Amino acid sequence: MRVDARNQTCPKPVVMALGALPKLQKGESLEVIVNNEAAVHNLARLAQEKDCDLKTEANGDETILTLTPRGVITSDRSAQDEAADFCEIPDVNSSVIAIGKDHMGEGNDELGKILIEGLIYAFAHQAKVPKKMIFFNGGAYLTCKGSESLEDLKELEKRGTTILTCGTCLDYYKMRDQLAIGGVTNLYEIAQTFSSNPGVTLI
C-alpha cells in the first residue's frame, strides 16, 4: 500500500499513515512518500513506537519510508488524535489575527467568502501558525456550526493557535450555542491583546 503525503505538513502525513497501517494484511508494507524533514522524523518515531521495520529511501527532496509491521496494528483512538503522540507541534509565531467579518475585502461578497476561507486554510498550512486568532462581529460566523472553515480552524488549534470569539457578538447574533471551535472572549481581553501586541493584523 502506498500513501502520497507530499506537500502535507505534520500531523497530516502521520494521520494518513496511522489510517492506513491497520488496513494492511499480514506481511504487507506501507510506503509513505513525503518531502519535508519533519514528516520523515515523525514517521520514523511512529515506526519505532508501532513496532514496524523501517526502510528509508531518499530521492532528491522526496523520501519514501517503508513501514512493515511485525504484528497486527490496532488502536482505540482516531488517527487524528493518536498523531499527537508522534508529532512535534510546529513553532507558533507571535502574530495575532483579528477577523471582523465572514468575507475578505469589499466588492463581491461571494468572492469575499471564498477568499476568507482560502486565507484561513493558508494560515493553517504554513510552517508557523499565528499565536492567536480573534473573531468578532460578522467574523463570529466563521467559528460557528455550518462554517466552511471549521476543519482548518481545528487544524490551527491543534497546532497551537488560540481561537477566540467575541461573546458579545455571539449573543448579538444569537449564536452562542452554535460555537463549534475555540473559546469565548470579551472586549476587555481583546483590548488587552491588542495593547500588548502592536502588530495585530485586522481583517
N, C-alpha and C. Protein backbone atom coordinates (compact mmCIF):
# COMPACT_ATOMS: atom_id res chain seq x y z
N MET A 1 0.85 -1.18 0.00
CA MET A 1 0.00 0.00 0.00
C MET A 1 0.89 1.24 0.00
N ARG A 2 0.46 2.26 -0.72
CA ARG A 2 1.25 3.48 -0.81
C ARG A 2 0.40 4.70 -0.44
N VAL A 3 0.99 5.61 0.34
CA VAL A 3 0.33 6.86 0.73
C VAL A 3 1.19 8.01 0.22
N ASP A 4 0.60 8.90 -0.54
CA ASP A 4 1.31 10.07 -1.05
C ASP A 4 1.03 11.25 -0.14
N ALA A 5 2.01 11.57 0.71
CA ALA A 5 1.85 12.67 1.66
C ALA A 5 2.76 13.85 1.32
N ARG A 6 3.14 13.95 0.05
CA ARG A 6 3.97 15.08 -0.37
C ARG A 6 3.20 16.39 -0.22
N ASN A 7 3.93 17.42 0.17
CA ASN A 7 3.37 18.78 0.35
C ASN A 7 2.35 18.85 1.48
N GLN A 8 2.37 17.84 2.35
CA GLN A 8 1.49 17.84 3.52
C GLN A 8 2.32 18.15 4.76
N THR A 9 1.85 19.09 5.58
CA THR A 9 2.55 19.42 6.81
C THR A 9 2.06 18.51 7.93
N CYS A 10 2.95 18.25 8.89
CA CYS A 10 2.55 17.42 10.03
C CYS A 10 1.51 18.17 10.85
N PRO A 11 0.51 17.43 11.34
CA PRO A 11 0.49 15.97 11.51
C PRO A 11 -0.11 15.17 10.37
N LYS A 12 -0.44 15.81 9.24
CA LYS A 12 -1.17 15.12 8.17
C LYS A 12 -0.49 13.83 7.69
N PRO A 13 0.84 13.81 7.39
CA PRO A 13 1.45 12.55 6.95
C PRO A 13 1.31 11.42 7.97
N VAL A 14 1.44 11.78 9.26
CA VAL A 14 1.30 10.77 10.31
C VAL A 14 -0.14 10.29 10.41
N VAL A 15 -1.10 11.21 10.28
CA VAL A 15 -2.51 10.84 10.29
C VAL A 15 -2.81 9.86 9.15
N MET A 16 -2.28 10.16 7.98
CA MET A 16 -2.51 9.30 6.81
C MET A 16 -1.90 7.92 7.02
N ALA A 17 -0.70 7.88 7.60
CA ALA A 17 -0.04 6.59 7.87
C ALA A 17 -0.81 5.79 8.92
N LEU A 18 -1.25 6.45 9.97
CA LEU A 18 -1.99 5.76 11.03
C LEU A 18 -3.32 5.22 10.51
N GLY A 19 -3.91 5.92 9.55
CA GLY A 19 -5.15 5.44 8.97
C GLY A 19 -4.96 4.24 8.08
N ALA A 20 -3.76 4.12 7.46
CA ALA A 20 -3.50 3.03 6.51
C ALA A 20 -2.95 1.78 7.18
N LEU A 21 -2.17 1.92 8.23
CA LEU A 21 -1.50 0.76 8.84
C LEU A 21 -2.45 -0.35 9.27
N PRO A 22 -3.59 -0.05 9.92
CA PRO A 22 -4.48 -1.14 10.34
C PRO A 22 -5.12 -1.89 9.17
N LYS A 23 -5.05 -1.33 7.96
CA LYS A 23 -5.66 -1.96 6.79
C LYS A 23 -4.73 -2.97 6.12
N LEU A 24 -3.47 -3.01 6.56
CA LEU A 24 -2.51 -3.93 5.94
C LEU A 24 -2.81 -5.37 6.31
N GLN A 25 -2.62 -6.24 5.34
CA GLN A 25 -2.69 -7.67 5.62
C GLN A 25 -1.35 -8.14 6.18
N LYS A 26 -1.34 -9.29 6.81
CA LYS A 26 -0.12 -9.82 7.40
C LYS A 26 0.98 -9.91 6.34
N GLY A 27 2.16 -9.35 6.67
CA GLY A 27 3.29 -9.39 5.76
C GLY A 27 3.36 -8.23 4.79
N GLU A 28 2.29 -7.42 4.69
CA GLU A 28 2.28 -6.28 3.79
C GLU A 28 3.03 -5.09 4.40
N SER A 29 3.46 -4.19 3.53
CA SER A 29 4.17 -2.99 3.95
C SER A 29 3.42 -1.75 3.50
N LEU A 30 3.73 -0.64 4.16
CA LEU A 30 3.15 0.65 3.80
C LEU A 30 4.27 1.58 3.37
N GLU A 31 4.14 2.12 2.17
CA GLU A 31 5.08 3.12 1.68
C GLU A 31 4.45 4.51 1.84
N VAL A 32 5.20 5.41 2.45
CA VAL A 32 4.73 6.79 2.63
C VAL A 32 5.74 7.72 1.95
N ILE A 33 5.25 8.52 1.02
CA ILE A 33 6.12 9.46 0.31
C ILE A 33 5.93 10.85 0.91
N VAL A 34 7.02 11.46 1.33
CA VAL A 34 6.96 12.81 1.91
C VAL A 34 8.08 13.66 1.31
N ASN A 35 7.99 14.96 1.50
CA ASN A 35 9.06 15.83 1.01
C ASN A 35 9.37 16.94 2.01
N ASN A 36 9.30 16.60 3.30
CA ASN A 36 9.80 17.54 4.31
C ASN A 36 10.41 16.76 5.47
N GLU A 37 11.41 17.36 6.06
CA GLU A 37 12.22 16.67 7.07
C GLU A 37 11.42 16.33 8.32
N ALA A 38 10.51 17.23 8.71
CA ALA A 38 9.72 16.98 9.92
C ALA A 38 8.89 15.72 9.77
N ALA A 39 8.31 15.51 8.59
CA ALA A 39 7.49 14.32 8.36
C ALA A 39 8.34 13.05 8.43
N VAL A 40 9.55 13.10 7.88
CA VAL A 40 10.44 11.94 7.95
C VAL A 40 10.74 11.59 9.41
N HIS A 41 11.06 12.59 10.19
CA HIS A 41 11.39 12.38 11.61
C HIS A 41 10.19 11.81 12.37
N ASN A 42 9.01 12.40 12.15
CA ASN A 42 7.81 11.96 12.89
C ASN A 42 7.36 10.56 12.48
N LEU A 43 7.48 10.24 11.19
CA LEU A 43 7.12 8.89 10.73
C LEU A 43 8.10 7.84 11.25
N ALA A 44 9.36 8.23 11.40
CA ALA A 44 10.34 7.30 11.98
C ALA A 44 9.98 7.00 13.44
N ARG A 45 9.53 8.02 14.16
CA ARG A 45 9.09 7.81 15.54
C ARG A 45 7.87 6.89 15.58
N LEU A 46 6.96 7.10 14.65
CA LEU A 46 5.77 6.25 14.57
C LEU A 46 6.16 4.80 14.34
N ALA A 47 7.08 4.57 13.39
CA ALA A 47 7.51 3.21 13.07
C ALA A 47 8.10 2.51 14.30
N GLN A 48 8.90 3.25 15.05
CA GLN A 48 9.53 2.67 16.24
C GLN A 48 8.48 2.32 17.30
N GLU A 49 7.56 3.25 17.55
CA GLU A 49 6.55 3.04 18.59
C GLU A 49 5.54 1.97 18.20
N LYS A 50 5.28 1.83 16.90
CA LYS A 50 4.31 0.83 16.44
C LYS A 50 4.96 -0.51 16.09
N ASP A 51 6.24 -0.65 16.42
CA ASP A 51 6.97 -1.91 16.21
C ASP A 51 6.95 -2.30 14.72
N CYS A 52 7.40 -1.36 13.89
CA CYS A 52 7.49 -1.61 12.45
C CYS A 52 8.96 -1.58 12.01
N ASP A 53 9.33 -2.48 11.13
CA ASP A 53 10.61 -2.36 10.46
C ASP A 53 10.53 -1.16 9.53
N LEU A 54 11.61 -0.40 9.46
CA LEU A 54 11.58 0.83 8.67
C LEU A 54 12.73 0.86 7.67
N LYS A 55 12.39 1.19 6.44
CA LYS A 55 13.37 1.39 5.38
C LYS A 55 13.12 2.76 4.77
N THR A 56 14.16 3.57 4.62
CA THR A 56 14.01 4.89 4.03
C THR A 56 14.84 4.99 2.76
N GLU A 57 14.28 5.66 1.78
CA GLU A 57 14.97 5.84 0.50
C GLU A 57 14.80 7.29 0.06
N ALA A 58 15.89 8.04 0.00
CA ALA A 58 15.85 9.44 -0.40
C ALA A 58 15.98 9.54 -1.92
N ASN A 59 15.17 10.43 -2.50
CA ASN A 59 15.21 10.67 -3.94
C ASN A 59 15.02 12.15 -4.18
N GLY A 60 16.12 12.90 -4.24
CA GLY A 60 16.04 14.34 -4.35
C GLY A 60 15.49 14.92 -3.07
N ASP A 61 14.42 15.73 -3.20
CA ASP A 61 13.81 16.31 -1.99
C ASP A 61 12.69 15.43 -1.44
N GLU A 62 12.52 14.26 -2.02
CA GLU A 62 11.48 13.34 -1.56
C GLU A 62 12.10 12.16 -0.82
N THR A 63 11.34 11.62 0.11
CA THR A 63 11.77 10.42 0.85
C THR A 63 10.62 9.42 0.86
N ILE A 64 10.96 8.17 0.57
CA ILE A 64 9.98 7.09 0.67
C ILE A 64 10.32 6.28 1.92
N LEU A 65 9.37 6.23 2.85
CA LEU A 65 9.54 5.44 4.06
C LEU A 65 8.67 4.20 3.94
N THR A 66 9.27 3.04 4.10
CA THR A 66 8.54 1.77 4.02
C THR A 66 8.42 1.19 5.42
N LEU A 67 7.20 1.09 5.91
CA LEU A 67 6.93 0.57 7.24
C LEU A 67 6.34 -0.83 7.12
N THR A 68 6.97 -1.79 7.77
CA THR A 68 6.49 -3.17 7.75
C THR A 68 6.20 -3.60 9.18
N PRO A 69 4.92 -3.69 9.55
CA PRO A 69 4.57 -4.07 10.92
C PRO A 69 5.04 -5.49 11.24
N ARG A 70 5.51 -5.69 12.47
CA ARG A 70 5.90 -7.03 12.91
C ARG A 70 4.71 -7.80 13.46
N GLY A 71 3.61 -7.09 13.66
CA GLY A 71 2.38 -7.72 14.15
C GLY A 71 1.18 -6.93 13.68
N VAL A 72 0.02 -7.26 14.23
CA VAL A 72 -1.21 -6.57 13.86
C VAL A 72 -1.26 -5.23 14.59
N ILE A 73 -1.61 -4.17 13.85
CA ILE A 73 -1.70 -2.83 14.43
C ILE A 73 -3.16 -2.44 14.60
N THR A 74 -3.51 -2.13 15.82
CA THR A 74 -4.87 -1.66 16.13
C THR A 74 -4.76 -0.44 17.04
N SER A 75 -5.84 0.30 17.16
CA SER A 75 -5.87 1.45 18.06
C SER A 75 -7.30 1.74 18.44
N ASP A 76 -7.50 2.20 19.69
CA ASP A 76 -8.84 2.56 20.13
C ASP A 76 -9.08 4.07 20.02
N ARG A 77 -8.13 4.76 19.36
CA ARG A 77 -8.28 6.20 19.14
C ARG A 77 -8.29 6.49 17.65
N SER A 78 -8.80 7.66 17.29
CA SER A 78 -8.78 8.06 15.89
C SER A 78 -7.35 8.39 15.48
N ALA A 79 -7.08 8.29 14.19
CA ALA A 79 -5.74 8.61 13.68
C ALA A 79 -5.38 10.06 14.01
N GLN A 80 -6.37 10.95 13.93
CA GLN A 80 -6.13 12.36 14.21
C GLN A 80 -5.67 12.56 15.65
N ASP A 81 -6.34 11.90 16.59
CA ASP A 81 -5.96 12.04 17.99
C ASP A 81 -4.61 11.39 18.28
N GLU A 82 -4.38 10.21 17.71
CA GLU A 82 -3.15 9.48 18.00
C GLU A 82 -1.93 10.15 17.40
N ALA A 83 -2.12 10.92 16.33
CA ALA A 83 -0.99 11.57 15.66
C ALA A 83 -0.24 12.49 16.60
N ALA A 84 -0.92 13.06 17.58
CA ALA A 84 -0.27 13.98 18.52
C ALA A 84 0.84 13.29 19.30
N ASP A 85 0.79 11.95 19.43
CA ASP A 85 1.83 11.22 20.16
C ASP A 85 3.15 11.21 19.40
N PHE A 86 3.10 11.44 18.10
CA PHE A 86 4.29 11.28 17.28
C PHE A 86 4.77 12.58 16.64
N CYS A 87 3.98 13.63 16.74
CA CYS A 87 4.32 14.89 16.06
C CYS A 87 4.72 15.97 17.04
N GLU A 88 5.81 16.62 16.72
CA GLU A 88 6.19 17.81 17.45
C GLU A 88 5.38 18.96 16.88
N ILE A 89 4.77 19.75 17.75
CA ILE A 89 3.96 20.87 17.28
C ILE A 89 4.87 21.90 16.65
N PRO A 90 4.60 22.30 15.40
CA PRO A 90 5.43 23.31 14.75
C PRO A 90 5.47 24.60 15.55
N ASP A 91 6.50 25.41 15.31
CA ASP A 91 6.62 26.68 16.01
C ASP A 91 5.41 27.55 15.77
N VAL A 92 4.98 28.22 16.83
CA VAL A 92 3.90 29.19 16.73
C VAL A 92 4.54 30.57 16.70
N ASN A 93 4.20 31.38 15.70
CA ASN A 93 4.80 32.71 15.65
C ASN A 93 4.05 33.66 16.59
N SER A 94 4.47 34.90 16.66
CA SER A 94 3.91 35.84 17.65
C SER A 94 2.76 36.66 17.11
N SER A 95 2.28 36.35 15.93
CA SER A 95 1.25 37.18 15.32
C SER A 95 -0.13 36.95 15.91
N VAL A 96 -0.94 38.00 15.88
CA VAL A 96 -2.34 37.94 16.30
C VAL A 96 -3.18 38.39 15.11
N ILE A 97 -4.14 37.56 14.72
CA ILE A 97 -5.01 37.85 13.59
C ILE A 97 -6.42 38.11 14.12
N ALA A 98 -6.99 39.26 13.79
CA ALA A 98 -8.35 39.61 14.22
C ALA A 98 -9.25 39.69 12.98
N ILE A 99 -10.29 38.88 12.95
CA ILE A 99 -11.17 38.80 11.79
C ILE A 99 -12.56 39.29 12.17
N GLY A 100 -13.00 40.39 11.53
CA GLY A 100 -14.25 41.03 11.90
C GLY A 100 -15.40 40.85 10.93
N LYS A 101 -15.22 39.98 9.95
CA LYS A 101 -16.32 39.72 9.01
C LYS A 101 -16.15 38.34 8.40
N ASP A 102 -17.21 37.83 7.81
CA ASP A 102 -17.17 36.47 7.27
C ASP A 102 -16.75 36.45 5.81
N HIS A 103 -16.18 37.57 5.34
CA HIS A 103 -15.65 37.64 3.99
C HIS A 103 -14.41 38.52 4.00
N MET A 104 -13.66 38.51 2.92
CA MET A 104 -12.41 39.26 2.85
C MET A 104 -12.52 40.32 1.76
N GLY A 105 -12.25 41.57 2.12
CA GLY A 105 -12.29 42.65 1.16
C GLY A 105 -13.69 43.12 0.85
N GLU A 106 -13.78 44.11 -0.01
CA GLU A 106 -15.07 44.67 -0.40
C GLU A 106 -15.26 44.50 -1.90
N GLY A 107 -16.52 44.44 -2.32
CA GLY A 107 -16.82 44.26 -3.73
C GLY A 107 -17.88 43.20 -3.88
N ASN A 108 -17.45 41.98 -4.13
CA ASN A 108 -18.37 40.86 -4.31
C ASN A 108 -18.30 39.97 -3.06
N ASP A 109 -19.42 39.86 -2.34
CA ASP A 109 -19.41 39.10 -1.09
C ASP A 109 -19.16 37.62 -1.32
N GLU A 110 -19.66 37.07 -2.41
CA GLU A 110 -19.43 35.66 -2.70
C GLU A 110 -17.94 35.39 -2.89
N LEU A 111 -17.29 36.27 -3.63
CA LEU A 111 -15.84 36.15 -3.80
C LEU A 111 -15.14 36.34 -2.47
N GLY A 112 -15.64 37.30 -1.67
CA GLY A 112 -15.04 37.57 -0.37
C GLY A 112 -15.08 36.37 0.55
N LYS A 113 -16.17 35.58 0.50
CA LYS A 113 -16.27 34.37 1.32
C LYS A 113 -15.26 33.32 0.87
N ILE A 114 -15.08 33.20 -0.44
CA ILE A 114 -14.09 32.27 -0.97
C ILE A 114 -12.69 32.68 -0.51
N LEU A 115 -12.43 33.97 -0.54
CA LEU A 115 -11.11 34.48 -0.16
C LEU A 115 -10.82 34.25 1.33
N ILE A 116 -11.81 34.50 2.20
CA ILE A 116 -11.55 34.33 3.63
C ILE A 116 -11.34 32.86 3.97
N GLU A 117 -12.08 31.97 3.30
CA GLU A 117 -11.88 30.54 3.52
C GLU A 117 -10.48 30.13 3.07
N GLY A 118 -10.05 30.66 1.92
CA GLY A 118 -8.72 30.34 1.43
C GLY A 118 -7.63 30.89 2.33
N LEU A 119 -7.86 32.08 2.89
CA LEU A 119 -6.87 32.68 3.78
C LEU A 119 -6.70 31.86 5.06
N ILE A 120 -7.82 31.44 5.65
CA ILE A 120 -7.75 30.63 6.88
C ILE A 120 -7.06 29.30 6.58
N TYR A 121 -7.36 28.72 5.41
CA TYR A 121 -6.67 27.49 5.01
C TYR A 121 -5.17 27.73 4.93
N ALA A 122 -4.77 28.86 4.34
CA ALA A 122 -3.34 29.17 4.21
C ALA A 122 -2.69 29.34 5.58
N PHE A 123 -3.39 30.01 6.52
CA PHE A 123 -2.86 30.15 7.87
C PHE A 123 -2.61 28.77 8.49
N ALA A 124 -3.54 27.84 8.25
CA ALA A 124 -3.47 26.52 8.88
C ALA A 124 -2.37 25.64 8.29
N HIS A 125 -1.90 25.96 7.09
CA HIS A 125 -0.95 25.08 6.42
C HIS A 125 0.41 25.72 6.18
N GLN A 126 0.68 26.85 6.81
CA GLN A 126 2.01 27.42 6.70
C GLN A 126 2.91 26.85 7.79
N ALA A 127 4.21 27.06 7.64
CA ALA A 127 5.17 26.44 8.56
C ALA A 127 4.96 26.88 10.00
N LYS A 128 4.66 28.16 10.22
CA LYS A 128 4.42 28.69 11.56
C LYS A 128 3.02 29.29 11.59
N VAL A 129 2.25 28.89 12.58
CA VAL A 129 0.86 29.35 12.67
C VAL A 129 0.77 30.56 13.60
N PRO A 130 -0.29 31.36 13.49
CA PRO A 130 -0.45 32.52 14.38
C PRO A 130 -0.59 32.10 15.83
N LYS A 131 -0.15 32.98 16.71
CA LYS A 131 -0.29 32.71 18.15
C LYS A 131 -1.76 32.73 18.56
N LYS A 132 -2.51 33.67 17.99
CA LYS A 132 -3.91 33.83 18.40
C LYS A 132 -4.73 34.35 17.22
N MET A 133 -5.97 33.88 17.12
CA MET A 133 -6.93 34.41 16.15
C MET A 133 -8.20 34.78 16.89
N ILE A 134 -8.64 36.02 16.71
CA ILE A 134 -9.83 36.54 17.39
C ILE A 134 -10.89 36.84 16.34
N PHE A 135 -12.10 36.37 16.58
CA PHE A 135 -13.21 36.57 15.65
C PHE A 135 -14.27 37.43 16.32
N PHE A 136 -14.70 38.50 15.63
CA PHE A 136 -15.69 39.40 16.20
C PHE A 136 -16.64 39.88 15.11
N ASN A 137 -17.76 40.49 15.54
CA ASN A 137 -18.80 40.93 14.63
C ASN A 137 -19.13 39.80 13.64
N GLY A 138 -19.18 40.07 12.34
CA GLY A 138 -19.54 39.03 11.38
C GLY A 138 -18.55 37.89 11.31
N GLY A 139 -17.34 38.11 11.79
CA GLY A 139 -16.34 37.05 11.81
C GLY A 139 -16.73 35.90 12.71
N ALA A 140 -17.64 36.17 13.64
CA ALA A 140 -18.10 35.12 14.57
C ALA A 140 -18.75 33.96 13.82
N TYR A 141 -19.32 34.24 12.66
CA TYR A 141 -19.95 33.17 11.89
C TYR A 141 -18.93 32.09 11.49
N LEU A 142 -17.66 32.46 11.38
CA LEU A 142 -16.63 31.53 10.91
C LEU A 142 -16.28 30.46 11.94
N THR A 143 -16.58 30.72 13.21
CA THR A 143 -16.26 29.75 14.26
C THR A 143 -17.49 28.95 14.72
N CYS A 144 -18.61 29.17 14.06
CA CYS A 144 -19.85 28.51 14.47
C CYS A 144 -20.24 27.38 13.52
N LYS A 145 -21.18 26.57 13.95
CA LYS A 145 -21.65 25.43 13.16
C LYS A 145 -22.06 25.90 11.76
N GLY A 146 -21.69 25.11 10.77
CA GLY A 146 -22.02 25.45 9.39
C GLY A 146 -20.92 26.18 8.66
N SER A 147 -19.90 26.65 9.39
CA SER A 147 -18.79 27.35 8.75
C SER A 147 -17.96 26.39 7.90
N GLU A 148 -17.58 26.84 6.71
CA GLU A 148 -16.73 26.03 5.83
C GLU A 148 -15.28 25.99 6.31
N SER A 149 -14.95 26.83 7.31
CA SER A 149 -13.57 26.93 7.78
C SER A 149 -13.29 26.14 9.05
N LEU A 150 -14.28 25.40 9.54
CA LEU A 150 -14.10 24.73 10.83
C LEU A 150 -12.93 23.74 10.84
N GLU A 151 -12.78 22.95 9.78
CA GLU A 151 -11.69 21.97 9.77
C GLU A 151 -10.33 22.65 9.80
N ASP A 152 -10.20 23.76 9.07
CA ASP A 152 -8.93 24.49 9.08
C ASP A 152 -8.69 25.15 10.44
N LEU A 153 -9.75 25.64 11.07
CA LEU A 153 -9.60 26.23 12.40
C LEU A 153 -9.22 25.17 13.43
N LYS A 154 -9.77 23.96 13.29
CA LYS A 154 -9.39 22.86 14.18
C LYS A 154 -7.92 22.51 13.99
N GLU A 155 -7.47 22.55 12.74
CA GLU A 155 -6.06 22.29 12.46
C GLU A 155 -5.18 23.35 13.11
N LEU A 156 -5.59 24.61 13.01
CA LEU A 156 -4.84 25.69 13.65
C LEU A 156 -4.78 25.50 15.16
N GLU A 157 -5.91 25.17 15.76
CA GLU A 157 -5.95 24.97 17.21
C GLU A 157 -5.05 23.82 17.63
N LYS A 158 -5.07 22.76 16.86
CA LYS A 158 -4.24 21.60 17.18
C LYS A 158 -2.76 21.94 17.11
N ARG A 159 -2.41 22.81 16.19
CA ARG A 159 -1.01 23.20 16.01
C ARG A 159 -0.56 24.28 16.97
N GLY A 160 -1.47 24.78 17.80
CA GLY A 160 -1.05 25.73 18.84
C GLY A 160 -1.69 27.09 18.81
N THR A 161 -2.52 27.38 17.82
CA THR A 161 -3.18 28.69 17.75
C THR A 161 -4.35 28.74 18.72
N THR A 162 -4.45 29.82 19.49
CA THR A 162 -5.60 30.04 20.35
C THR A 162 -6.70 30.69 19.53
N ILE A 163 -7.88 30.05 19.50
CA ILE A 163 -9.02 30.54 18.74
C ILE A 163 -10.04 31.13 19.73
N LEU A 164 -10.38 32.41 19.56
CA LEU A 164 -11.32 33.07 20.46
C LEU A 164 -12.37 33.83 19.67
N THR A 165 -13.60 33.82 20.18
CA THR A 165 -14.69 34.54 19.54
C THR A 165 -15.33 35.49 20.57
N CYS A 166 -15.65 36.68 20.12
CA CYS A 166 -16.26 37.70 20.98
C CYS A 166 -17.63 37.23 21.49
N GLY A 167 -17.78 37.18 22.81
CA GLY A 167 -19.04 36.73 23.40
C GLY A 167 -20.19 37.69 23.13
N THR A 168 -19.90 39.01 23.14
CA THR A 168 -20.93 40.00 22.85
C THR A 168 -21.50 39.78 21.44
N CYS A 169 -20.62 39.45 20.52
CA CYS A 169 -21.03 39.23 19.13
C CYS A 169 -21.86 37.96 19.01
N LEU A 170 -21.44 36.91 19.69
CA LEU A 170 -22.21 35.66 19.66
C LEU A 170 -23.62 35.89 20.22
N ASP A 171 -23.71 36.67 21.30
CA ASP A 171 -25.01 36.94 21.90
C ASP A 171 -25.87 37.81 20.97
N TYR A 172 -25.25 38.79 20.34
CA TYR A 172 -26.00 39.69 19.45
C TYR A 172 -26.62 38.91 18.29
N TYR A 173 -25.83 38.00 17.74
CA TYR A 173 -26.32 37.20 16.61
C TYR A 173 -27.06 35.95 17.06
N LYS A 174 -27.22 35.78 18.41
CA LYS A 174 -27.92 34.63 18.98
C LYS A 174 -27.28 33.31 18.51
N MET A 175 -25.95 33.26 18.61
CA MET A 175 -25.21 32.09 18.12
C MET A 175 -24.33 31.45 19.19
N ARG A 176 -24.45 31.87 20.44
CA ARG A 176 -23.53 31.34 21.45
C ARG A 176 -23.59 29.81 21.51
N ASP A 177 -24.80 29.25 21.36
CA ASP A 177 -24.93 27.79 21.42
C ASP A 177 -24.47 27.11 20.12
N GLN A 178 -24.09 27.91 19.12
CA GLN A 178 -23.63 27.36 17.85
C GLN A 178 -22.11 27.36 17.73
N LEU A 179 -21.42 27.92 18.73
CA LEU A 179 -19.95 27.97 18.67
C LEU A 179 -19.39 26.56 18.56
N ALA A 180 -18.51 26.35 17.58
CA ALA A 180 -18.03 24.99 17.30
C ALA A 180 -16.52 24.83 17.47
N ILE A 181 -15.81 25.90 17.75
CA ILE A 181 -14.35 25.80 17.89
C ILE A 181 -13.85 26.93 18.79
N GLY A 182 -12.89 26.62 19.64
CA GLY A 182 -12.24 27.64 20.45
C GLY A 182 -13.05 28.08 21.65
N GLY A 183 -12.62 29.21 22.22
CA GLY A 183 -13.26 29.74 23.41
C GLY A 183 -13.93 31.07 23.16
N VAL A 184 -14.54 31.61 24.23
CA VAL A 184 -15.25 32.88 24.16
C VAL A 184 -14.42 33.94 24.89
N THR A 185 -14.34 35.12 24.30
CA THR A 185 -13.60 36.21 24.93
C THR A 185 -14.50 37.42 25.06
N ASN A 186 -13.97 38.51 25.65
CA ASN A 186 -14.75 39.73 25.81
C ASN A 186 -13.91 40.93 25.37
N LEU A 187 -14.53 42.09 25.33
CA LEU A 187 -13.85 43.27 24.81
C LEU A 187 -12.66 43.69 25.68
N TYR A 188 -12.75 43.45 26.99
CA TYR A 188 -11.64 43.78 27.87
C TYR A 188 -10.41 42.95 27.51
N GLU A 189 -10.61 41.64 27.33
CA GLU A 189 -9.49 40.77 26.97
C GLU A 189 -8.98 41.09 25.56
N ILE A 190 -9.90 41.43 24.64
CA ILE A 190 -9.48 41.79 23.29
C ILE A 190 -8.63 43.05 23.33
N ALA A 191 -9.05 44.04 24.15
CA ALA A 191 -8.28 45.28 24.29
C ALA A 191 -6.89 45.00 24.84
N GLN A 192 -6.81 44.11 25.83
CA GLN A 192 -5.50 43.75 26.39
C GLN A 192 -4.62 43.11 25.33
N THR A 193 -5.20 42.21 24.52
CA THR A 193 -4.44 41.54 23.47
C THR A 193 -3.93 42.56 22.45
N PHE A 194 -4.79 43.48 22.03
CA PHE A 194 -4.39 44.49 21.05
C PHE A 194 -3.31 45.41 21.61
N SER A 195 -3.44 45.76 22.89
CA SER A 195 -2.47 46.66 23.51
C SER A 195 -1.09 46.03 23.65
N SER A 196 -1.08 44.73 23.94
CA SER A 196 0.21 44.05 24.16
C SER A 196 0.80 43.46 22.89
N ASN A 197 0.05 43.56 21.79
CA ASN A 197 0.55 43.06 20.50
C ASN A 197 0.31 44.12 19.43
N PRO A 198 1.22 45.11 19.35
CA PRO A 198 1.02 46.22 18.41
C PRO A 198 0.98 45.78 16.95
N GLY A 199 1.42 44.56 16.65
CA GLY A 199 1.43 44.09 15.27
C GLY A 199 0.19 43.32 14.89
N VAL A 200 -0.94 43.54 15.59
CA VAL A 200 -2.18 42.81 15.27
C VAL A 200 -2.60 43.10 13.83
N THR A 201 -3.00 42.03 13.13
CA THR A 201 -3.49 42.17 11.76
C THR A 201 -5.00 42.12 11.79
N LEU A 202 -5.65 43.19 11.34
CA LEU A 202 -7.11 43.26 11.31
C LEU A 202 -7.60 42.91 9.90
N ILE A 203 -8.57 42.00 9.83
CA ILE A 203 -9.13 41.58 8.53
C ILE A 203 -10.62 41.83 8.54
